[in-house]
Structures are given as C-alpha cells and as structure tokens.
Amino acid sequence: MQPRYVVEVSADHIEAGRFRHGSRLLRWRDDKEPEACTMATVPTRVAARGNPWADVEDDPQELTPLLAMYERDLASGLEDAPWPPVYPKMPGEPPRVAPSRAKKKA
C-alpha cells in the first residue's frame, strides 16, 4: 500500500502504532506529502510548537460515573463491544463472529 493522502488527526491513545479510542479527523493536508509525515517527524514538530500533551494531567477526571454507566448498560442488556482478536477473550464478551456466521443454537 502506498500512502497518497495526508490527514491530520487527533487521538487520545496510540497503541502499537495504531490509533485507539477517540481518534478523529481534524483536516486534510493538501500542503504535505505523505513521505514528509511520519512518526520520525513528531519530535521536531513538538520542539517547534510545544508539547500538545503537556497539560493532560492538569484536570484529572473521576472514573466512577463512567464505570456506573457501564454497569447500567450491562444491566439493561447492552453488551460490551467485541475486542480485537489480538486480545484474549474476556468473560461476558459477546461473540467475535458475524451473526450470519455464528453457530445456530440447537
């Protein structure tokens, strides 16, 4: 696969070189060539513009309301989303197979 386009994204978590959780498109970058936008260019950009993650811990948030929402969702029958296959299967996780391919219950 050859890169042809450049987009600027915002991501709150990058794991193993992949965007996870809350990534979103900010804008197309017609002014950039794909070869000029690699992870190797990040230190120079941070040095020139400052660290965009510097204040991430300035306003800590409480997880309790989020965990309560998760428990309410489970209690109402809303299952957790399936995790990628590289993660171990978790208790209570829904099947990782398309419904059309799932084994029919006898």
N, C-alpha and C. Protein backbone atom coordinates (compact mmCIF):
# COMPACT_ATOMS: atom_id res chain seq x y z
N MET A 1 0.84 -1.16 0.00
CA MET A 1 0.00 0.00 0.00
C MET A 1 0.89 1.24 0.00
N GLN A 2 0.60 2.14 -0.87
CA GLN A 2 1.36 3.38 -0.97
C GLN A 2 0.53 4.54 -0.40
N PRO A 3 1.12 5.33 0.52
CA PRO A 3 0.36 6.49 1.03
C PRO A 3 0.16 7.51 -0.07
N ARG A 4 -1.08 8.03 -0.18
CA ARG A 4 -1.38 9.01 -1.22
C ARG A 4 -1.91 10.32 -0.65
N TYR A 5 -2.49 10.26 0.55
CA TYR A 5 -3.11 11.45 1.13
C TYR A 5 -2.56 11.68 2.53
N VAL A 6 -2.66 12.91 2.97
CA VAL A 6 -2.24 13.25 4.33
C VAL A 6 -3.43 13.89 5.03
N VAL A 7 -3.74 13.37 6.21
CA VAL A 7 -4.77 13.97 7.05
C VAL A 7 -4.17 14.22 8.42
N GLU A 8 -4.73 15.18 9.10
CA GLU A 8 -4.31 15.45 10.47
C GLU A 8 -5.39 14.90 11.38
N VAL A 9 -4.99 14.12 12.36
CA VAL A 9 -5.95 13.50 13.27
C VAL A 9 -5.63 13.87 14.71
N SER A 10 -6.62 13.74 15.53
CA SER A 10 -6.47 13.89 16.97
C SER A 10 -6.75 12.53 17.57
N ALA A 11 -5.87 12.06 18.43
CA ALA A 11 -6.07 10.76 19.06
C ALA A 11 -5.67 10.86 20.53
N ASP A 12 -6.50 10.28 21.39
CA ASP A 12 -6.15 10.33 22.80
C ASP A 12 -5.37 9.10 23.25
N HIS A 13 -5.18 8.15 22.34
CA HIS A 13 -4.43 6.95 22.72
C HIS A 13 -3.88 6.27 21.46
N ILE A 14 -2.60 6.03 21.44
CA ILE A 14 -1.97 5.29 20.35
C ILE A 14 -1.29 4.09 20.97
N GLU A 15 -1.59 2.92 20.44
CA GLU A 15 -1.05 1.68 20.99
C GLU A 15 -0.53 0.83 19.85
N ALA A 16 0.70 0.39 19.96
CA ALA A 16 1.34 -0.45 18.95
C ALA A 16 1.24 0.18 17.56
N GLY A 17 1.40 1.50 17.50
CA GLY A 17 1.38 2.19 16.22
C GLY A 17 0.00 2.37 15.61
N ARG A 18 -1.06 2.07 16.37
CA ARG A 18 -2.42 2.22 15.86
C ARG A 18 -3.20 3.17 16.75
N PHE A 19 -4.11 3.91 16.13
CA PHE A 19 -4.98 4.79 16.90
C PHE A 19 -6.02 3.96 17.63
N ARG A 20 -6.23 4.26 18.87
CA ARG A 20 -7.26 3.60 19.67
C ARG A 20 -8.07 4.69 20.36
N HIS A 21 -9.34 4.46 20.56
CA HIS A 21 -10.19 5.32 21.37
C HIS A 21 -10.16 6.79 20.92
N GLY A 22 -11.23 7.29 20.52
CA GLY A 22 -11.39 8.73 20.33
C GLY A 22 -10.53 9.39 19.29
N SER A 23 -10.13 8.71 18.25
CA SER A 23 -9.39 9.40 17.20
C SER A 23 -10.40 10.05 16.26
N ARG A 24 -10.04 11.23 15.74
CA ARG A 24 -10.95 11.91 14.82
C ARG A 24 -10.15 12.71 13.81
N LEU A 25 -10.73 12.86 12.65
CA LEU A 25 -10.12 13.63 11.57
C LEU A 25 -10.21 15.11 11.91
N LEU A 26 -9.09 15.80 11.81
CA LEU A 26 -9.11 17.25 12.03
C LEU A 26 -9.17 18.00 10.70
N ARG A 27 -8.32 17.60 9.75
CA ARG A 27 -8.33 18.28 8.45
C ARG A 27 -7.48 17.52 7.45
N TRP A 28 -7.79 17.76 6.17
CA TRP A 28 -6.96 17.26 5.08
C TRP A 28 -5.73 18.15 5.00
N ARG A 29 -4.59 17.58 4.65
CA ARG A 29 -3.36 18.34 4.50
C ARG A 29 -2.87 18.26 3.06
N ASP A 30 -3.49 19.03 2.19
CA ASP A 30 -3.07 19.05 0.78
C ASP A 30 -1.69 19.67 0.61
N ASP A 31 -1.22 20.40 1.63
CA ASP A 31 0.07 21.06 1.55
C ASP A 31 1.23 20.15 1.94
N LYS A 32 0.96 18.90 2.30
CA LYS A 32 2.01 17.97 2.75
C LYS A 32 2.07 16.74 1.86
N GLU A 33 3.27 16.24 1.69
CA GLU A 33 3.47 14.96 1.01
C GLU A 33 3.48 13.86 2.06
N PRO A 34 2.91 12.70 1.76
CA PRO A 34 2.88 11.61 2.75
C PRO A 34 4.25 11.26 3.32
N GLU A 35 5.27 11.29 2.49
CA GLU A 35 6.62 10.94 2.95
C GLU A 35 7.16 11.91 3.99
N ALA A 36 6.59 13.12 4.05
CA ALA A 36 7.05 14.14 4.99
C ALA A 36 6.35 14.03 6.34
N CYS A 37 5.41 13.09 6.48
CA CYS A 37 4.60 12.97 7.71
C CYS A 37 4.72 11.57 8.28
N THR A 38 5.75 11.37 9.06
CA THR A 38 5.97 10.07 9.70
C THR A 38 6.15 10.29 11.20
N MET A 39 6.19 9.20 11.94
CA MET A 39 6.42 9.32 13.38
C MET A 39 7.78 9.95 13.67
N ALA A 40 8.71 9.81 12.75
CA ALA A 40 10.04 10.39 12.94
C ALA A 40 9.99 11.92 12.91
N THR A 41 8.94 12.52 12.34
CA THR A 41 8.83 13.98 12.28
C THR A 41 8.20 14.57 13.55
N VAL A 42 7.66 13.74 14.42
CA VAL A 42 6.97 14.23 15.62
C VAL A 42 7.90 15.00 16.56
N PRO A 43 9.10 14.50 16.89
CA PRO A 43 9.95 15.27 17.82
C PRO A 43 10.27 16.68 17.34
N THR A 44 10.51 16.85 16.06
CA THR A 44 10.79 18.18 15.52
C THR A 44 9.57 19.08 15.65
N ARG A 45 8.40 18.52 15.35
CA ARG A 45 7.17 19.31 15.45
C ARG A 45 6.90 19.71 16.90
N VAL A 46 7.11 18.79 17.83
CA VAL A 46 6.90 19.09 19.25
C VAL A 46 7.90 20.15 19.72
N ALA A 47 9.13 20.05 19.26
CA ALA A 47 10.14 21.05 19.64
C ALA A 47 9.76 22.43 19.11
N ALA A 48 9.20 22.49 17.91
CA ALA A 48 8.85 23.77 17.31
C ALA A 48 7.56 24.36 17.87
N ARG A 49 6.56 23.52 18.15
CA ARG A 49 5.24 24.01 18.55
C ARG A 49 4.91 23.78 20.02
N GLY A 50 5.75 23.07 20.73
CA GLY A 50 5.45 22.73 22.11
C GLY A 50 4.75 21.39 22.20
N ASN A 51 4.74 20.84 23.38
CA ASN A 51 4.16 19.53 23.60
C ASN A 51 2.65 19.65 23.77
N PRO A 52 1.84 19.13 22.82
CA PRO A 52 0.39 19.26 22.95
C PRO A 52 -0.18 18.42 24.09
N TRP A 53 0.59 17.50 24.65
CA TRP A 53 0.12 16.65 25.74
C TRP A 53 0.62 17.13 27.09
N ALA A 54 1.28 18.28 27.15
CA ALA A 54 1.91 18.75 28.38
C ALA A 54 0.91 18.93 29.52
N ASP A 55 -0.31 19.37 29.22
CA ASP A 55 -1.28 19.66 30.29
C ASP A 55 -2.32 18.56 30.49
N VAL A 56 -2.03 17.37 29.98
CA VAL A 56 -3.01 16.28 30.04
C VAL A 56 -3.40 15.92 31.47
N GLU A 57 -2.52 16.11 32.41
CA GLU A 57 -2.81 15.74 33.80
C GLU A 57 -3.24 16.93 34.66
N ASP A 58 -3.43 18.09 34.04
CA ASP A 58 -3.80 19.28 34.81
C ASP A 58 -5.23 19.24 35.32
N ASP A 59 -6.11 18.50 34.65
CA ASP A 59 -7.52 18.44 35.04
C ASP A 59 -7.95 16.98 35.12
N PRO A 60 -7.49 16.25 36.16
CA PRO A 60 -7.86 14.83 36.24
C PRO A 60 -9.36 14.66 36.43
N GLN A 61 -9.87 13.59 35.88
CA GLN A 61 -11.30 13.30 35.96
C GLN A 61 -11.54 12.02 36.75
N GLU A 62 -12.70 11.91 37.32
CA GLU A 62 -13.09 10.75 38.11
C GLU A 62 -13.72 9.71 37.19
N LEU A 63 -13.35 8.44 37.35
CA LEU A 63 -13.88 7.36 36.52
C LEU A 63 -15.19 6.78 37.05
N THR A 64 -15.55 7.09 38.28
CA THR A 64 -16.73 6.48 38.90
C THR A 64 -18.01 6.66 38.06
N PRO A 65 -18.33 7.85 37.52
CA PRO A 65 -19.54 7.97 36.70
C PRO A 65 -19.48 7.12 35.44
N LEU A 66 -18.32 6.99 34.86
CA LEU A 66 -18.17 6.17 33.66
C LEU A 66 -18.37 4.70 33.97
N LEU A 67 -17.82 4.24 35.09
CA LEU A 67 -18.00 2.85 35.50
C LEU A 67 -19.46 2.57 35.84
N ALA A 68 -20.15 3.53 36.44
CA ALA A 68 -21.57 3.36 36.75
C ALA A 68 -22.38 3.26 35.46
N MET A 69 -22.03 4.05 34.45
CA MET A 69 -22.71 3.98 33.16
C MET A 69 -22.50 2.60 32.53
N TYR A 70 -21.30 2.08 32.62
CA TYR A 70 -21.00 0.75 32.09
C TYR A 70 -21.86 -0.31 32.77
N GLU A 71 -21.96 -0.24 34.10
CA GLU A 71 -22.77 -1.20 34.85
C GLU A 71 -24.25 -1.09 34.47
N ARG A 72 -24.75 0.14 34.29
CA ARG A 72 -26.15 0.33 33.87
C ARG A 72 -26.38 -0.28 32.49
N ASP A 73 -25.43 -0.07 31.57
CA ASP A 73 -25.55 -0.63 30.23
C ASP A 73 -25.60 -2.15 30.27
N LEU A 74 -24.72 -2.76 31.06
CA LEU A 74 -24.73 -4.22 31.18
C LEU A 74 -26.05 -4.72 31.76
N ALA A 75 -26.53 -4.02 32.78
CA ALA A 75 -27.79 -4.43 33.42
C ALA A 75 -28.98 -4.31 32.47
N SER A 76 -28.90 -3.37 31.53
CA SER A 76 -30.01 -3.19 30.57
C SER A 76 -29.86 -4.08 29.34
N GLY A 77 -28.81 -4.91 29.31
CA GLY A 77 -28.65 -5.85 28.20
C GLY A 77 -27.72 -5.39 27.10
N LEU A 78 -27.14 -4.20 27.24
CA LEU A 78 -26.21 -3.70 26.23
C LEU A 78 -24.85 -4.33 26.47
N GLU A 79 -24.38 -5.12 25.52
CA GLU A 79 -23.10 -5.81 25.70
C GLU A 79 -21.93 -4.91 25.36
N ASP A 80 -20.78 -5.27 25.89
CA ASP A 80 -19.54 -4.58 25.55
C ASP A 80 -19.22 -4.87 24.09
N ALA A 81 -18.55 -3.96 23.44
CA ALA A 81 -18.13 -4.19 22.06
C ALA A 81 -17.08 -5.30 22.04
N PRO A 82 -17.05 -6.10 20.99
CA PRO A 82 -16.01 -7.13 20.91
C PRO A 82 -14.63 -6.50 20.77
N TRP A 83 -13.67 -7.11 21.42
CA TRP A 83 -12.30 -6.63 21.37
C TRP A 83 -11.62 -7.20 20.13
N PRO A 84 -10.56 -6.53 19.66
CA PRO A 84 -9.81 -7.09 18.51
C PRO A 84 -9.28 -8.48 18.85
N PRO A 85 -9.12 -9.32 17.85
CA PRO A 85 -8.72 -10.71 18.10
C PRO A 85 -7.34 -10.88 18.73
N VAL A 86 -6.52 -9.83 18.75
CA VAL A 86 -5.20 -9.97 19.37
C VAL A 86 -5.30 -9.98 20.90
N TYR A 87 -6.46 -9.60 21.45
CA TYR A 87 -6.65 -9.60 22.89
C TYR A 87 -7.30 -10.91 23.32
N PRO A 88 -6.97 -11.39 24.51
CA PRO A 88 -7.63 -12.61 24.99
C PRO A 88 -9.13 -12.37 25.16
N LYS A 89 -9.90 -13.40 24.94
CA LYS A 89 -11.35 -13.34 25.13
C LYS A 89 -11.65 -13.08 26.60
N MET A 90 -12.53 -12.12 26.86
CA MET A 90 -12.85 -11.73 28.23
C MET A 90 -14.19 -12.31 28.66
N PRO A 91 -14.36 -12.55 29.96
CA PRO A 91 -15.65 -13.06 30.45
C PRO A 91 -16.77 -12.09 30.10
N GLY A 92 -17.88 -12.61 29.61
CA GLY A 92 -19.03 -11.78 29.28
C GLY A 92 -18.93 -11.06 27.94
N GLU A 93 -17.82 -11.22 27.25
CA GLU A 93 -17.66 -10.56 25.95
C GLU A 93 -18.55 -11.24 24.92
N PRO A 94 -19.21 -10.45 24.06
CA PRO A 94 -20.05 -11.06 23.03
C PRO A 94 -19.20 -11.83 22.01
N PRO A 95 -19.82 -12.69 21.24
CA PRO A 95 -19.07 -13.46 20.24
C PRO A 95 -18.32 -12.55 19.27
N ARG A 96 -17.17 -13.01 18.83
CA ARG A 96 -16.37 -12.25 17.87
C ARG A 96 -16.60 -12.77 16.45
N VAL A 97 -17.81 -13.11 16.16
CA VAL A 97 -18.13 -13.64 14.85
C VAL A 97 -19.38 -12.92 14.36
N ALA A 98 -19.44 -12.68 13.06
CA ALA A 98 -20.61 -12.05 12.48
C ALA A 98 -21.84 -12.91 12.76
N PRO A 99 -22.98 -12.30 13.09
CA PRO A 99 -24.19 -13.09 13.37
C PRO A 99 -24.52 -14.10 12.28
N SER A 100 -24.27 -13.75 11.04
CA SER A 100 -24.60 -14.67 9.94
C SER A 100 -23.69 -15.91 9.94
N ARG A 101 -22.55 -15.81 10.59
CA ARG A 101 -21.60 -16.94 10.64
C ARG A 101 -21.64 -17.69 11.98
N ALA A 102 -22.41 -17.17 12.91
CA ALA A 102 -22.48 -17.78 14.23
C ALA A 102 -23.16 -19.14 14.15
N LYS A 103 -22.69 -20.05 15.01
CA LYS A 103 -23.34 -21.36 15.08
C LYS A 103 -24.74 -21.19 15.65
N LYS A 104 -25.67 -21.84 15.04
CA LYS A 104 -27.07 -21.76 15.49
C LYS A 104 -27.26 -22.61 16.73
N LYS A 105 -28.00 -22.07 17.71
CA LYS A 105 -28.27 -22.85 18.93
C LYS A 105 -29.29 -23.92 18.63
N ALA A 106 -29.05 -25.10 19.16
CA ALA A 106 -29.94 -26.23 18.89
C ALA A 106 -31.19 -26.17 19.73
